PDB file of N, CA and C in Angstrom:
ATOM      1  N   MET A   1      33.751  23.888  29.545  1.00  0.00           N
ATOM      2  CA  MET A   1      34.297  25.169  29.123  1.00  0.00           C
ATOM      3  C   MET A   1      33.562  26.258  29.902  1.00  0.00           C
ATOM      4  N   PRO A   2      34.284  27.170  30.520  1.00  0.00           N
ATOM      5  CA  PRO A   2      33.640  28.243  31.278  1.00  0.00           C
ATOM      6  C   PRO A   2      32.787  29.134  30.377  1.00  0.00           C
ATOM      7  N   VAL A   3      31.726  29.665  30.964  1.00  0.00           N
ATOM      8  CA  VAL A   3      30.817  30.533  30.215  1.00  0.00           C
ATOM      9  C   VAL A   3      31.553  31.749  29.675  1.00  0.00           C
ATOM     10  N   SER A   4      32.526  32.263  30.438  1.00  0.00           N
ATOM     11  CA  SER A   4      33.257  33.444  29.972  1.00  0.00           C
ATOM     12  C   SER A   4      33.996  33.153  28.667  1.00  0.00           C
ATOM     13  N   ASP A   5      34.531  31.933  28.521  1.00  0.00           N
ATOM     14  CA  ASP A   5      35.200  31.573  27.269  1.00  0.00           C
ATOM     15  C   ASP A   5      34.207  31.515  26.114  1.00  0.00           C
ATOM     16  N   ILE A   6      33.025  30.963  26.379  1.00  0.00           N
ATOM     17  CA  ILE A   6      31.998  30.860  25.337  1.00  0.00           C
ATOM     18  C   ILE A   6      31.583  32.256  24.888  1.00  0.00           C
ATOM     19  N   LEU A   7      31.358  33.146  25.847  1.00  0.00           N
ATOM     20  CA  LEU A   7      30.952  34.506  25.503  1.00  0.00           C
ATOM     21  C   LEU A   7      32.060  35.248  24.771  1.00  0.00           C
ATOM     22  N   ALA A   8      33.300  35.052  25.204  1.00  0.00           N
ATOM     23  CA  ALA A   8      34.418  35.709  24.526  1.00  0.00           C
ATOM     24  C   ALA A   8      34.504  35.248  23.075  1.00  0.00           C
ATOM     25  N   ARG A   9      34.293  33.950  22.847  1.00  0.00           N
ATOM     26  CA  ARG A   9      34.309  33.443  21.473  1.00  0.00           C
ATOM     27  C   ARG A   9      33.187  34.058  20.645  1.00  0.00           C
ATOM     28  N   SER A  10      32.006  34.227  21.254  1.00  0.00           N
ATOM     29  CA  SER A  10      30.879  34.833  20.537  1.00  0.00           C
ATOM     30  C   SER A  10      31.198  36.265  20.140  1.00  0.00           C
ATOM     31  N   VAL A  11      31.788  37.021  21.061  1.00  0.00           N
ATOM     32  CA  VAL A  11      32.145  38.406  20.766  1.00  0.00           C
ATOM     33  C   VAL A  11      33.198  38.452  19.673  1.00  0.00           C
ATOM     34  N   ASN A  12      34.214  37.605  19.776  1.00  0.00           N
ATOM     35  CA  ASN A  12      35.262  37.573  18.756  1.00  0.00           C
ATOM     36  C   ASN A  12      34.686  37.222  17.392  1.00  0.00           C
ATOM     37  N   SER A  13      33.741  36.293  17.364  1.00  0.00           N
ATOM     38  CA  SER A  13      33.116  35.906  16.109  1.00  0.00           C
ATOM     39  C   SER A  13      32.339  37.077  15.515  1.00  0.00           C
ATOM     40  N   ALA A  14      31.612  37.814  16.367  1.00  0.00           N
ATOM     41  CA  ALA A  14      30.852  38.971  15.882  1.00  0.00           C
ATOM     42  C   ALA A  14      31.787  40.026  15.312  1.00  0.00           C
ATOM     43  N   VAL A  15      32.908  40.253  15.974  1.00  0.00           N
ATOM     44  CA  VAL A  15      33.873  41.235  15.485  1.00  0.00           C
ATOM     45  C   VAL A  15      34.479  40.782  14.167  1.00  0.00           C
ATOM     46  N   LYS A  16      34.816  39.493  14.058  1.00  0.00           N
ATOM     47  CA  LYS A  16      35.388  38.986  12.803  1.00  0.00           C
ATOM     48  C   LYS A  16      34.390  39.118  11.665  1.00  0.00           C
ATOM     49  N   ASN A  17      33.108  38.823  11.929  1.00  0.00           N
ATOM     50  CA  ASN A  17      32.094  38.958  10.882  1.00  0.00           C
ATOM     51  C   ASN A  17      31.983  40.406  10.431  1.00  0.00           C
ATOM     52  N   GLY A  18      32.039  41.337  11.357  1.00  0.00           N
ATOM     53  CA  GLY A  18      32.000  42.758  11.009  1.00  0.00           C
ATOM     54  C   GLY A  18      33.191  43.158  10.171  1.00  0.00           C
ATOM     55  N   THR A  19      34.366  42.617  10.492  1.00  0.00           N
ATOM     56  CA  THR A  19      35.578  42.914   9.737  1.00  0.00           C
ATOM     57  C   THR A  19      35.458  42.386   8.318  1.00  0.00           C
ATOM     58  N   ARG A  20      34.906  41.192   8.166  1.00  0.00           N
ATOM     59  CA  ARG A  20      34.737  40.636   6.821  1.00  0.00           C
ATOM     60  C   ARG A  20      33.809  41.514   5.982  1.00  0.00           C
ATOM     61  N   GLN A  21      32.729  42.021   6.608  1.00  0.00           N
ATOM     62  CA  GLN A  21      31.809  42.875   5.870  1.00  0.00           C
ATOM     63  C   GLN A  21      32.505  44.159   5.412  1.00  0.00           C
ATOM     64  N   ILE A  22      33.338  44.720   6.270  1.00  0.00           N
ATOM     65  CA  ILE A  22      34.066  45.941   5.914  1.00  0.00           C
ATOM     66  C   ILE A  22      35.043  45.659   4.787  1.00  0.00           C
ATOM     67  N   GLN A  23      35.748  44.524   4.857  1.00  0.00           N
ATOM     68  CA  GLN A  23      36.692  44.194   3.809  1.00  0.00           C
ATOM     69  C   GLN A  23      35.980  44.024   2.479  1.00  0.00           C
ATOM     70  N   GLY A  24      34.790  43.431   2.506  1.00  0.00           N
ATOM     71  CA  GLY A  24      34.008  43.267   1.281  1.00  0.00           C
ATOM     72  C   GLY A  24      33.613  44.611   0.692  1.00  0.00           C
ATOM     73  N   ARG A  25      33.214  45.549   1.560  1.00  0.00           N
ATOM     74  CA  ARG A  25      32.859  46.887   1.092  1.00  0.00           C
ATOM     75  C   ARG A  25      34.086  47.609   0.535  1.00  0.00           C
ATOM     76  N   ASN A  26      35.233  47.412   1.168  1.00  0.00           N
ATOM     77  CA  ASN A  26      36.455  48.072   0.707  1.00  0.00           C
ATOM     78  C   ASN A  26      36.865  47.589  -0.671  1.00  0.00           C
ATOM     79  N   ALA A  27      36.644  46.325  -0.955  1.00  0.00           N
ATOM     80  CA  ALA A  27      37.002  45.803  -2.271  1.00  0.00           C
ATOM     81  C   ALA A  27      36.190  46.519  -3.343  1.00  0.00           C
ATOM     82  N   GLY A  28      34.907  46.737  -3.075  1.00  0.00           N
ATOM     83  CA  GLY A  28      34.062  47.458  -4.021  1.00  0.00           C
ATOM     84  C   GLY A  28      34.479  48.910  -4.153  1.00  0.00           C
ATOM     85  N   LYS A  29      34.867  49.542  -3.052  1.00  0.00           N
ATOM     86  CA  LYS A  29      35.297  50.936  -3.088  1.00  0.00           C
ATOM     87  C   LYS A  29      36.590  51.079  -3.877  1.00  0.00           C
ATOM     88  N   ALA A  30      37.504  50.145  -3.666  1.00  0.00           N
ATOM     89  CA  ALA A  30      38.779  50.219  -4.381  1.00  0.00           C
ATOM     90  C   ALA A  30      38.539  50.077  -5.880  1.00  0.00           C
ATOM     91  N   ALA A  31      37.603  49.222  -6.264  1.00  0.00           N
ATOM     92  CA  ALA A  31      37.310  49.047  -7.685  1.00  0.00           C
ATOM     93  C   ALA A  31      36.659  50.306  -8.249  1.00  0.00           C
ATOM     94  N   SER A  32      35.757  50.922  -7.474  1.00  0.00           N
ATOM     95  CA  SER A  32      35.092  52.114  -7.993  1.00  0.00           C
ATOM     96  C   SER A  32      36.038  53.308  -8.047  1.00  0.00           C
ATOM     97  N   VAL A  33      37.017  53.365  -7.170  1.00  0.00           N
ATOM     98  CA  VAL A  33      38.006  54.433  -7.215  1.00  0.00           C
ATOM     99  C   VAL A  33      38.790  54.342  -8.509  1.00  0.00           C
ATOM    100  N   GLY A  34      39.090  53.143  -8.965  1.00  0.00           N
ATOM    101  CA  GLY A  34      39.883  52.955 -10.171  1.00  0.00           C
ATOM    102  C   GLY A  34      39.128  53.199 -11.451  1.00  0.00           C
ATOM    103  N   GLN A  35      37.814  53.278 -11.417  1.00  0.00           N
ATOM    104  CA  GLN A  35      37.052  53.441 -12.644  1.00  0.00           C
ATOM    105  C   GLN A  35      37.234  54.817 -13.270  1.00  0.00           C
ATOM    106  N   GLY A  36      37.462  55.838 -12.475  1.00  0.00           N
ATOM    107  CA  GLY A  36      37.599  57.186 -13.015  1.00  0.00           C
ATOM    108  C   GLY A  36      38.962  57.457 -13.622  1.00  0.00           C
ATOM    109  N   ASN A  37      39.975  56.741 -13.236  1.00  0.00           N
ATOM    110  CA  ASN A  37      41.341  56.966 -13.717  1.00  0.00           C
ATOM    111  C   ASN A  37      41.818  55.764 -14.508  1.00  0.00           C
ATOM    112  N   ALA A  38      42.695  56.028 -15.461  1.00  0.00           N
ATOM    113  CA  ALA A  38      43.228  54.929 -16.259  1.00  0.00           C
ATOM    114  C   ALA A  38      44.170  54.071 -15.428  1.00  0.00           C
ATOM    115  N   ALA A  39      44.975  54.694 -14.559  1.00  0.00           N
ATOM    116  CA  ALA A  39      45.938  53.928 -13.772  1.00  0.00           C
ATOM    117  C   ALA A  39      46.001  54.493 -12.346  1.00  0.00           C
ATOM    118  N   PRO A  40      45.051  54.165 -11.489  1.00  0.00           N
ATOM    119  CA  PRO A  40      45.077  54.698 -10.123  1.00  0.00           C
ATOM    120  C   PRO A  40      46.158  54.007  -9.316  1.00  0.00           C
ATOM    121  N   SER A  41      46.735  54.743  -8.392  1.00  0.00           N
ATOM    122  CA  SER A  41      47.742  54.117  -7.551  1.00  0.00           C
ATOM    123  C   SER A  41      47.053  53.292  -6.473  1.00  0.00           C
ATOM    124  N   ALA A  42      47.676  52.201  -6.100  1.00  0.00           N
ATOM    125  CA  ALA A  42      47.118  51.329  -5.064  1.00  0.00           C
ATOM    126  C   ALA A  42      47.055  52.058  -3.739  1.00  0.00           C
ATOM    127  N   ALA A  43      48.026  52.928  -3.481  1.00  0.00           N
ATOM    128  CA  ALA A  43      48.039  53.686  -2.221  1.00  0.00           C
ATOM    129  C   ALA A  43      46.856  54.638  -2.149  1.00  0.00           C
ATOM    130  N   ALA A  44      46.508  55.283  -3.263  1.00  0.00           N
ATOM    131  CA  ALA A  44      45.378  56.206  -3.281  1.00  0.00           C
ATOM    132  C   ALA A  44      44.070  55.461  -3.056  1.00  0.00           C
ATOM    133  N   ALA A  45      43.915  54.321  -3.672  1.00  0.00           N
ATOM    134  CA  ALA A  45      42.700  53.520  -3.500  1.00  0.00           C
ATOM    135  C   ALA A  45      42.580  53.039  -2.063  1.00  0.00           C
ATOM    136  N   SER A  46      43.697  52.602  -1.502  1.00  0.00           N
ATOM    137  CA  SER A  46      43.697  52.118  -0.125  1.00  0.00           C
ATOM    138  C   SER A  46      43.394  53.247   0.853  1.00  0.00           C
ATOM    139  N   ALA A  47      43.963  54.404   0.618  1.00  0.00           N
ATOM    140  CA  ALA A  47      43.731  55.558   1.489  1.00  0.00           C
ATOM    141  C   ALA A  47      42.277  55.999   1.425  1.00  0.00           C
ATOM    142  N   ALA A  48      41.691  55.998   0.224  1.00  0.00           N
ATOM    143  CA  ALA A  48      40.292  56.389   0.077  1.00  0.00           C
ATOM    144  C   ALA A  48      39.379  55.418   0.805  1.00  0.00           C
ATOM    145  N   ALA A  49      39.665  54.149   0.721  1.00  0.00           N
ATOM    146  CA  ALA A  49      38.840  53.147   1.391  1.00  0.00           C
ATOM    147  C   ALA A  49      39.023  53.219   2.897  1.00  0.00           C
ATOM    148  N   ALA A  50      40.246  53.412   3.363  1.00  0.00           N
ATOM    149  CA  ALA A  50      40.521  53.450   4.795  1.00  0.00           C
ATOM    150  C   ALA A  50      39.915  54.675   5.453  1.00  0.00           C
ATOM    151  N   ALA A  51      39.784  55.768   4.721  1.00  0.00           N
ATOM    152  CA  ALA A  51      39.247  56.998   5.292  1.00  0.00           C
ATOM    153  C   ALA A  51      37.791  56.853   5.702  1.00  0.00           C
ATOM    154  N   SER A  52      37.054  55.969   5.076  1.00  0.00           N
ATOM    155  CA  SER A  52      35.631  55.840   5.374  1.00  0.00           C
ATOM    156  C   SER A  52      35.297  54.549   6.130  1.00  0.00           C
ATOM    157  N   ASP A  53      36.280  53.774   6.533  1.00  0.00           N
ATOM    158  CA  ASP A  53      36.024  52.530   7.251  1.00  0.00           C
ATOM    159  C   ASP A  53      35.600  52.804   8.684  1.00  0.00           C
ATOM    160  N   SER A  54      34.695  51.986   9.167  1.00  0.00           N
ATOM    161  CA  SER A  54      34.313  52.030  10.574  1.00  0.00           C
ATOM    162  C   SER A  54      33.733  50.685  10.954  1.00  0.00           C
ATOM    163  N   VAL A  55      33.807  50.380  12.229  1.00  0.00           N
ATOM    164  CA  VAL A  55      33.248  49.140  12.752  1.00  0.00           C
ATOM    165  C   VAL A  55      32.176  49.525  13.753  1.00  0.00           C
ATOM    166  N   VAL A  56      31.009  48.943  13.601  1.00  0.00           N
ATOM    167  CA  VAL A  56      29.914  49.203  14.526  1.00  0.00           C
ATOM    168  C   VAL A  56      29.465  47.872  15.097  1.00  0.00           C
ATOM    169  N   LEU A  57      29.569  47.743  16.420  1.00  0.00           N
ATOM    170  CA  LEU A  57      29.117  46.531  17.081  1.00  0.00           C
ATOM    171  C   LEU A  57      27.637  46.657  17.410  1.00  0.00           C
ATOM    172  N   THR A  58      26.923  45.566  17.263  1.00  0.00           N
ATOM    173  CA  THR A  58      25.508  45.568  17.620  1.00  0.00           C
ATOM    174  C   THR A  58      25.358  45.672  19.127  1.00  0.00           C
ATOM    175  N   ASP A  59      24.166  46.002  19.565  1.00  0.00           N
ATOM    176  CA  ASP A  59      23.913  46.075  21.002  1.00  0.00           C
ATOM    177  C   ASP A  59      24.156  44.724  21.661  1.00  0.00           C
ATOM    178  N   GLY A  60      23.779  43.644  20.970  1.00  0.00           N
ATOM    179  CA  GLY A  60      24.003  42.304  21.509  1.00  0.00           C
ATOM    180  C   GLY A  60      25.478  42.012  21.709  1.00  0.00           C
ATOM    181  N   ALA A  61      26.304  42.417  20.746  1.00  0.00           N
ATOM    182  CA  ALA A  61      27.752  42.200  20.867  1.00  0.00           C
ATOM    183  C   ALA A  61      28.331  43.028  22.006  1.00  0.00           C
ATOM    184  N   LYS A  62      27.823  44.254  22.172  1.00  0.00           N
ATOM    185  CA  LYS A  62      28.300  45.097  23.275  1.00  0.00           C
ATOM    186  C   LYS A  62      27.935  44.489  24.620  1.00  0.00           C
ATOM    187  N   LYS A  63      26.707  43.959  24.719  1.00  0.00           N
ATOM    188  CA  LYS A  63      26.278  43.319  25.965  1.00  0.00           C
ATOM    189  C   LYS A  63      27.112  42.077  26.252  1.00  0.00           C
ATOM    190  N   LEU A  64      27.392  41.294  25.205  1.00  0.00           N
ATOM    191  CA  LEU A  64      28.222  40.101  25.382  1.00  0.00           C
ATOM    192  C   LEU A  64      29.624  40.465  25.854  1.00  0.00           C
ATOM    193  N   ARG A  65      30.177  41.525  25.301  1.00  0.00           N
ATOM    194  CA  ARG A  65      31.516  41.955  25.701  1.00  0.00           C
ATOM    195  C   ARG A  65      31.527  42.355  27.175  1.00  0.00           C
ATOM    196  N   LYS A  66      30.522  43.134  27.613  1.00  0.00           N
ATOM    197  CA  LYS A  66      30.449  43.542  29.015  1.00  0.00           C
ATOM    198  C   LYS A  66      30.284  42.341  29.931  1.00  0.00           C
ATOM    199  N   LEU A  67      29.439  41.398  29.520  1.00  0.00           N
ATOM    200  CA  LEU A  67      29.220  40.202  30.319  1.00  0.00           C
ATOM    201  C   LEU A  67      30.492  39.364  30.411  1.00  0.00           C
ATOM    202  N   ALA A  68      31.201  39.234  29.303  1.00  0.00           N
ATOM    203  CA  ALA A  68      32.453  38.475  29.300  1.00  0.00           C
ATOM    204  C   ALA A  68      33.480  39.122  30.217  1.00  0.00           C
ATOM    205  N   GLU A  69      33.530  40.463  30.237  1.00  0.00           N
ATOM    206  CA  GLU A  69      34.465  41.160  31.121  1.00  0.00           C
ATOM    207  C   GLU A  69      34.119  40.911  32.590  1.00  0.00           C
ATOM    208  N   LYS A  70      32.826  40.919  32.911  1.00  0.00           N
ATOM    209  CA  LYS A  70      32.401  40.656  34.285  1.00  0.00           C
ATOM    210  C   LYS A  70      32.752  39.229  34.694  1.00  0.00           C
ATOM    211  N   LEU A  71      32.500  38.295  33.795  1.00  0.00           N
ATOM    212  CA  LEU A  71      32.742  36.884  34.121  1.00  0.00           C
ATOM    213  C   LEU A  71      34.228  36.562  34.216  1.00  0.00           C
ATOM    214  N   ARG A  72      35.045  37.315  33.513  1.00  0.00           N
ATOM    215  CA  ARG A  72      36.478  37.074  33.549  1.00  0.00           C
ATOM    216  C   ARG A  72      37.031  37.254  34.960  1.00  0.00           C
ATOM    217  N   ASP A  73      36.415  38.149  35.740  1.00  0.00           N
ATOM    218  CA  ASP A  73      36.870  38.423  37.100  1.00  0.00           C
ATOM    219  C   ASP A  73      36.336  37.420  38.120  1.00  0.00           C
ATOM    220  N   GLU A  74      35.348  36.641  37.747  1.00  0.00           N
ATOM    221  CA  GLU A  74      34.752  35.669  38.658  1.00  0.00           C
ATOM    222  C   GLU A  74      35.537  34.353  38.618  1.00  0.00           C
ATOM    223  N   PRO A  75      35.614  33.654  39.756  1.00  0.00           N
ATOM    224  CA  PRO A  75      36.275  32.344  39.736  1.00  0.00           C
ATOM    225  C   PRO A  75      35.440  31.352  38.925  1.00  0.00           C
ATOM    226  N   ASP A  76      36.105  30.399  38.296  1.00  0.00           N
ATOM    227  CA  ASP A  76      35.402  29.406  37.488  1.00  0.00           C
ATOM    228  C   ASP A  76      34.546  28.470  38.341  1.00  0.00           C
ATOM    229  N   VAL A  77      34.981  28.217  39.572  1.00  0.00           N
ATOM    230  CA  VAL A  77      34.285  27.272  40.441  1.00  0.00           C
ATOM    231  C   VAL A  77      34.128  27.885  41.827  1.00  0.00           C
ATOM    232  N   ASP A  78      32.924  27.774  42.388  1.00  0.00           N
ATOM    233  CA  ASP A  78      32.649  28.214  43.753  1.00  0.00           C
ATOM    234  C   ASP A  78      32.929  27.025  44.669  1.00  0.00           C
ATOM    235  N   GLU A  79      34.150  26.989  45.201  1.00  0.00           N
ATOM    236  CA  GLU A  79      34.599  25.835  45.990  1.00  0.00           C
ATOM    237  C   GLU A  79      33.712  25.566  47.203  1.00  0.00           C
ATOM    238  N   SER A  80      33.247  26.617  47.879  1.00  0.00           N
ATOM    239  CA  SER A  80      32.411  26.402  49.066  1.00  0.00           C
ATOM    240  C   SER A  80      31.080  25.758  48.680  1.00  0.00           C
ATOM    241  N   ARG A  81      30.500  26.179  47.550  1.00  0.00           N
ATOM    242  CA  ARG A  81      29.234  25.585  47.093  1.00  0.00           C
ATOM    243  C   ARG A  81      29.441  24.135  46.691  1.00  0.00           C
ATOM    244  N   VAL A  82      30.558  23.839  46.051  1.00  0.00           N
ATOM    245  CA  VAL A  82      30.861  22.462  45.658  1.00  0.00           C
ATOM    246  C   VAL A  82      30.980  21.584  46.900  1.00  0.00           C
ATOM    247  N   SER A  83      31.638  22.078  47.942  1.00  0.00           N
ATOM    248  CA  SER A  83      31.777  21.317  49.188  1.00  0.00           C
ATOM    249  C   SER A  83      30.423  21.047  49.831  1.00  0.00           C
ATOM    250  N   GLU A  84      29.553  22.074  49.833  1.00  0.00           N
ATOM    251  CA  GLU A  84      28.205  21.902  50.386  1.00  0.00           C
ATOM    252  C   GLU A  84      27.441  20.811  49.641  1.00  0.00           C
ATOM    253  N   LEU A  85      27.497  20.874  48.310  1.00  0.00           N
ATOM    254  CA  LEU A  85      26.766  19.898  47.501  1.00  0.00           C
ATOM    255  C   LEU A  85      27.322  18.491  47.663  1.00  0.00           C
ATOM    256  N   LYS A  86      28.644  18.358  47.737  1.00  0.00           N
ATOM    257  CA  LYS A  86      29.249  17.041  47.946  1.00  0.00           C
ATOM    258  C   LYS A  86      28.788  16.440  49.262  1.00  0.00           C
ATOM    259  N   SER A  87      28.777  17.261  50.298  1.00  0.00           N
ATOM    260  CA  SER A  87      28.334  16.786  51.612  1.00  0.00           C
ATOM    261  C   SER A  87      26.878  16.343  51.570  1.00  0.00           C
ATOM    262  N   ALA A  88      26.030  17.125  50.924  1.00  0.00           N
ATOM    263  CA  ALA A  88      24.614  16.784  50.835  1.00  0.00           C
ATOM    264  C   ALA A  88      24.405  15.489  50.057  1.00  0.00           C
ATOM    265  N   VAL A  89      25.147  15.310  48.969  1.00  0.00           N
ATOM    266  CA  VAL A  89      25.027  14.075  48.183  1.00  0.00           C
ATOM    267  C   VAL A  89      25.499  12.885  49.004  1.00  0.00           C
ATOM    268  N   ASN A  90      26.642  13.024  49.673  1.00  0.00           N
ATOM    269  CA  ASN A  90      27.182  11.932  50.477  1.00  0.00           C
ATOM    270  C   ASN A  90      26.277  11.579  51.652  1.00  0.00           C
ATOM    271  N   ASP A  91      25.611  12.596  52.229  1.00  0.00           N
ATOM    272  CA  ASP A  91      24.709  12.361  53.361  1.00  0.00           C
ATOM    273  C   ASP A  91      23.350  11.851  52.913  1.00  0.00           C
ATOM    274  N   GLY A  92      23.062  11.958  51.641  1.00  0.00           N
ATOM    275  CA  GLY A  92      21.751  11.544  51.138  1.00  0.00           C
ATOM    276  C   GLY A  92      20.677  12.596  51.347  1.00  0.00           C
ATOM    277  N   THR A  93      21.081  13.816  51.650  1.00  0.00           N
ATOM    278  CA  THR A  93      20.104  14.878  51.898  1.00  0.00           C
ATOM    279  C   THR A  93      19.893  15.792  50.692  1.00  0.00           C
ATOM    280  N   TYR A  94      20.610  15.560  49.611  1.00  0.00           N
ATOM    281  CA  TYR A  94      20.479  16.405  48.424  1.00  0.00           C
ATOM    282  C   TYR A  94      19.228  16.000  47.658  1.00  0.00           C
ATOM    283  N   LYS A  95      18.366  16.965  47.433  1.00  0.00           N
ATOM    284  CA  LYS A  95      17.122  16.724  46.695  1.00  0.00           C
ATOM    285  C   LYS A  95      17.103  17.620  45.461  1.00  0.00           C
ATOM    286  N   VAL A  96      16.693  17.061  44.342  1.00  0.00           N
ATOM    287  CA  VAL A  96      16.603  17.814  43.089  1.00  0.00           C
ATOM    288  C   VAL A  96      15.156  18.243  42.887  1.00  0.00           C
ATOM    289  N   ASP A  97      14.964  19.530  42.676  1.00  0.00           N
ATOM    290  CA  ASP A  97      13.648  20.075  42.361  1.00  0.00           C
ATOM    291  C   ASP A  97      13.590  20.276  40.852  1.00  0.00           C
ATOM    292  N   GLY A  98      12.966  19.329  40.178  1.00  0.00           N
ATOM    293  CA  GLY A  98      12.909  19.358  38.717  1.00  0.00           C
ATOM    294  C   GLY A  98      12.266  20.603  38.154  1.00  0.00           C
ATOM    295  N   TYR A  99      11.241  21.106  38.821  1.00  0.00           N
ATOM    296  CA  TYR A  99      10.582  22.328  38.353  1.00  0.00           C
ATOM    297  C   TYR A  99      11.521  23.527  38.440  1.00  0.00           C
ATOM    298  N   ARG A 100      12.303  23.565  39.514  1.00  0.00           N
ATOM    299  CA  ARG A 100      13.250  24.672  39.678  1.00  0.00           C
ATOM    300  C   ARG A 100      14.345  24.603  38.604  1.00  0.00           C
ATOM    301  N   VAL A 101      14.844  23.402  38.346  1.00  0.00           N
ATOM    302  CA  VAL A 101      15.874  23.220  37.315  1.00  0.00           C
ATOM    303  C   VAL A 101      15.327  23.633  35.948  1.00  0.00           C
ATOM    304  N   ALA A 102      14.128  23.160  35.621  1.00  0.00           N
ATOM    305  CA  ALA A 102      13.527  23.493  34.326  1.00  0.00           C
ATOM    306  C   ALA A 102      13.284  24.993  34.217  1.00  0.00           C
ATOM    307  N   GLY A 103      12.822  25.614  35.289  1.00  0.00           N
ATOM    308  CA  GLY A 103      12.591  27.057  35.282  1.00  0.00           C
ATOM    309  C   GLY A 103      13.877  27.832  35.062  1.00  0.00           C
ATOM    310  N   SER A 104      14.944  27.386  35.709  1.00  0.00           N
ATOM    311  CA  SER A 104      16.234  28.053  35.542  1.00  0.00           C
ATOM    312  C   SER A 104      16.744  27.910  34.113  1.00  0.00           C
ATOM    313  N   MET A 105      16.538  26.743  33.522  1.00  0.00           N
ATOM    314  CA  MET A 105      16.969  26.538  32.136  1.00  0.00           C
ATOM    315  C   MET A 105      16.188  27.454  31.192  1.00  0.00           C
ATOM    316  N   LEU A 106      14.893  27.573  31.412  1.00  0.00           N
ATOM    317  CA  LEU A 106      14.078  28.453  30.567  1.00  0.00           C
ATOM    318  C   LEU A 106      14.484  29.915  30.738  1.00  0.00           C
ATOM    319  N   ASP A 107      14.742  30.324  31.975  1.00  0.00           N
ATOM    320  CA  ASP A 107      15.186  31.696  32.218  1.00  0.00           C
ATOM    321  C   ASP A 107      16.500  31.980  31.506  1.00  0.00           C
ATOM    322  N   PHE A 108      17.419  31.020  31.552  1.00  0.00           N
ATOM    323  CA  PHE A 108      18.714  31.175  30.884  1.00  0.00           C
ATOM    324  C   PHE A 108      18.520  31.343  29.376  1.00  0.00           C
ATOM    325  N   GLU A 109      17.673  30.516  28.786  1.00  0.00           N
ATOM    326  CA  GLU A 109      17.418  30.598  27.346  1.00  0.00           C
ATOM    327  C   GLU A 109      16.772  31.934  26.983  1.00  0.00           C
ATOM    328  N   LYS A 110      15.855  32.414  27.813  1.00  0.00           N
ATOM    329  CA  LYS A 110      15.210  33.707  27.562  1.00  0.00           C
ATOM    330  C   LYS A 110      16.245  34.828  27.630  1.00  0.00           C
ATOM    331  N   ASP A 111      17.158  34.759  28.604  1.00  0.00           N
ATOM    332  CA  ASP A 111      18.190  35.775  28.723  1.00  0.00           C
ATOM    333  C   ASP A 111      19.086  35.791  27.486  1.00  0.00           C
ATOM    334  N   LEU A 112      19.469  34.613  27.033  1.00  0.00           N
ATOM    335  CA  LEU A 112      20.297  34.533  25.823  1.00  0.00           C
ATOM    336  C   LEU A 112      19.561  35.065  24.607  1.00  0.00           C
ATOM    337  N   ALA A 113      18.300  34.699  24.481  1.00  0.00           N
ATOM    338  CA  ALA A 113      17.518  35.176  23.335  1.00  0.00           C
ATOM    339  C   ALA A 113      17.380  36.703  23.379  1.00  0.00           C
ATOM    340  N   GLY A 114      17.281  37.274  24.578  1.00  0.00           N
ATOM    341  CA  GLY A 114      17.158  38.713  24.717  1.00  0.00           C
ATOM    342  C   GLY A 114      18.415  39.450  24.277  1.00  0.00           C
ATOM    343  N   LEU A 115      19.563  38.804  24.352  1.00  0.00           N
ATOM    344  CA  LEU A 115      20.798  39.441  23.925  1.00  0.00           C
ATOM    345  C   LEU A 115      20.841  39.665  22.418  1.00  0.00           C
ATOM    346  N   PHE A 116      20.150  38.817  21.674  1.00  0.00           N
ATOM    347  CA  PHE A 116      20.236  38.880  20.222  1.00  0.00           C
ATOM    348  C   PHE A 116      18.938  39.382  19.589  1.00  0.00           C
ATOM    349  N   ALA A 117      18.028  39.870  20.398  1.00  0.00           N
ATOM    350  CA  ALA A 117      16.734  40.347  19.855  1.00  0.00           C
ATOM    351  C   ALA A 117      16.881  41.742  19.279  1.00  0.00           C
TER     352      ALA A 117
END
């Protein structure tokens, strides 16, 4: 699965969670609007709740959205790099630097952790 899809899902999940929190707050507001009147209209309660609704995305969600937009424009596969690597593997000249791989994995994890800090 491309990274852009993973990031898009994360952003969508963050937005859905925010929407659920707002809906939960609206339910409480609608109930409190009805406490002062014997028979409040549903339209009045809904209008009162809708007037104060807002969605605020966290900085992490905003960064994820920007990153997903950037990645959407990038090709999923770098064909020239794949050709280079295939040739190196077939020729027996491809060497794996385990320290470099491990370092890259740690850097990636640090970057991800920084998005949600």
